[in-house]
Amino acid sequence: MLAGVLSGLHDFKLKDVSKPVIKEDTDVLLRVTATAICTIEVHYAEG
């Protein structure tokens, strides 16, 4: 599956990651169908 990863300053990439698995009875998997960029993410990307 694809995940958006911020690895460092100005280093945002889509990466293939392993699919998460449920390990505990209290774990939940959510499917994200839409997202947006907030001001705080811009600050992290800009430094």
N, C-alpha and C. Protein backbone atom coordinates (compact mmCIF):
# COMPACT_ATOMS: atom_id res chain seq x y z
N MET A 1 0.84 -1.17 0.00
CA MET A 1 0.00 0.00 0.00
C MET A 1 0.89 1.24 0.00
N LEU A 2 0.34 2.36 -0.42
CA LEU A 2 1.11 3.61 -0.46
C LEU A 2 0.89 4.42 0.81
N ALA A 3 1.97 5.05 1.26
CA ALA A 3 1.89 5.93 2.43
C ALA A 3 2.66 7.20 2.13
N GLY A 4 2.14 8.34 2.57
CA GLY A 4 2.86 9.59 2.48
C GLY A 4 3.83 9.67 3.64
N VAL A 5 5.12 9.85 3.35
CA VAL A 5 6.15 9.84 4.39
C VAL A 5 6.95 11.13 4.33
N LEU A 6 7.03 11.81 5.46
CA LEU A 6 7.88 13.00 5.58
C LEU A 6 9.14 12.55 6.30
N SER A 7 10.24 12.40 5.54
CA SER A 7 11.48 11.86 6.08
C SER A 7 12.43 12.94 6.57
N GLY A 8 12.22 14.16 6.16
CA GLY A 8 13.11 15.25 6.56
C GLY A 8 12.65 16.53 5.89
N LEU A 9 13.40 17.58 6.08
CA LEU A 9 13.08 18.88 5.51
C LEU A 9 12.97 18.79 3.99
N HIS A 10 11.84 19.17 3.44
CA HIS A 10 11.57 19.13 1.99
C HIS A 10 11.65 17.72 1.42
N ASP A 11 11.42 16.70 2.23
CA ASP A 11 11.56 15.32 1.78
C ASP A 11 10.26 14.54 2.05
N PHE A 12 9.25 14.83 1.25
CA PHE A 12 7.96 14.15 1.35
C PHE A 12 7.81 13.23 0.15
N LYS A 13 7.58 11.95 0.40
CA LYS A 13 7.49 10.97 -0.68
C LYS A 13 6.34 10.01 -0.44
N LEU A 14 5.84 9.44 -1.53
CA LEU A 14 4.93 8.31 -1.44
C LEU A 14 5.78 7.05 -1.49
N LYS A 15 5.60 6.18 -0.50
CA LYS A 15 6.38 4.96 -0.43
C LYS A 15 5.47 3.75 -0.29
N ASP A 16 5.93 2.64 -0.83
CA ASP A 16 5.24 1.37 -0.61
C ASP A 16 5.60 0.87 0.78
N VAL A 17 4.60 0.59 1.58
CA VAL A 17 4.83 0.06 2.92
C VAL A 17 3.99 -1.20 3.10
N SER A 18 4.36 -2.00 4.07
CA SER A 18 3.60 -3.22 4.31
C SER A 18 2.22 -2.88 4.87
N LYS A 19 1.27 -3.71 4.56
CA LYS A 19 -0.10 -3.50 5.02
C LYS A 19 -0.18 -3.76 6.52
N PRO A 20 -0.81 -2.88 7.29
CA PRO A 20 -0.88 -3.09 8.74
C PRO A 20 -1.77 -4.28 9.07
N VAL A 21 -1.51 -4.89 10.21
CA VAL A 21 -2.30 -6.03 10.65
C VAL A 21 -2.83 -5.77 12.05
N ILE A 22 -3.95 -6.38 12.34
CA ILE A 22 -4.53 -6.28 13.68
C ILE A 22 -3.83 -7.29 14.58
N LYS A 23 -3.24 -6.80 15.69
CA LYS A 23 -2.52 -7.66 16.63
C LYS A 23 -3.26 -7.80 17.96
N GLU A 24 -4.00 -6.76 18.34
CA GLU A 24 -4.71 -6.74 19.61
C GLU A 24 -6.21 -6.62 19.36
N ASP A 25 -7.01 -7.02 20.33
CA ASP A 25 -8.46 -6.88 20.21
C ASP A 25 -8.90 -5.43 20.13
N THR A 26 -8.07 -4.52 20.59
CA THR A 26 -8.40 -3.10 20.60
C THR A 26 -7.90 -2.37 19.35
N ASP A 27 -7.19 -3.05 18.45
CA ASP A 27 -6.67 -2.43 17.22
C ASP A 27 -7.79 -2.20 16.21
N VAL A 28 -7.63 -1.16 15.41
CA VAL A 28 -8.60 -0.81 14.37
C VAL A 28 -7.84 -0.43 13.11
N LEU A 29 -8.32 -0.86 11.95
CA LEU A 29 -7.79 -0.42 10.67
C LEU A 29 -8.81 0.51 10.03
N LEU A 30 -8.35 1.66 9.54
CA LEU A 30 -9.22 2.63 8.89
C LEU A 30 -8.77 2.82 7.44
N ARG A 31 -9.74 2.95 6.56
CA ARG A 31 -9.43 3.26 5.17
C ARG A 31 -9.66 4.76 4.97
N VAL A 32 -8.61 5.46 4.57
CA VAL A 32 -8.70 6.90 4.33
C VAL A 32 -9.08 7.10 2.87
N THR A 33 -10.18 7.80 2.63
CA THR A 33 -10.65 8.00 1.26
C THR A 33 -10.38 9.43 0.77
N ALA A 34 -10.09 10.34 1.68
CA ALA A 34 -9.78 11.71 1.29
C ALA A 34 -8.93 12.34 2.38
N THR A 35 -8.11 13.30 1.98
CA THR A 35 -7.26 14.00 2.95
C THR A 35 -6.96 15.39 2.42
N ALA A 36 -6.37 16.21 3.25
CA ALA A 36 -5.98 17.57 2.86
C ALA A 36 -4.71 17.94 3.61
N ILE A 37 -4.03 18.95 3.14
CA ILE A 37 -2.83 19.43 3.82
C ILE A 37 -3.22 20.62 4.69
N CYS A 38 -2.82 20.56 5.93
CA CYS A 38 -3.11 21.60 6.91
C CYS A 38 -1.88 22.51 7.03
N THR A 39 -2.05 23.64 7.65
CA THR A 39 -0.94 24.59 7.82
C THR A 39 0.23 23.96 8.57
N ILE A 40 -0.03 23.12 9.55
CA ILE A 40 1.06 22.53 10.34
C ILE A 40 1.95 21.65 9.47
N GLU A 41 1.37 20.93 8.49
CA GLU A 41 2.20 20.11 7.59
C GLU A 41 3.10 20.99 6.72
N VAL A 42 2.61 22.14 6.32
CA VAL A 42 3.42 23.07 5.53
C VAL A 42 4.61 23.54 6.36
N HIS A 43 4.39 23.84 7.63
CA HIS A 43 5.49 24.27 8.52
C HIS A 43 6.53 23.16 8.67
N TYR A 44 6.09 21.89 8.80
CA TYR A 44 7.03 20.79 8.91
C TYR A 44 7.83 20.64 7.60
N ALA A 45 7.18 20.82 6.48
CA ALA A 45 7.86 20.66 5.19
C ALA A 45 8.83 21.82 4.92
N GLU A 46 8.48 23.01 5.39
CA GLU A 46 9.32 24.18 5.13
C GLU A 46 10.40 24.38 6.17
N GLY A 47 10.23 23.79 7.36
CA GLY A 47 11.27 23.91 8.40
C GLY A 47 11.03 24.98 9.33
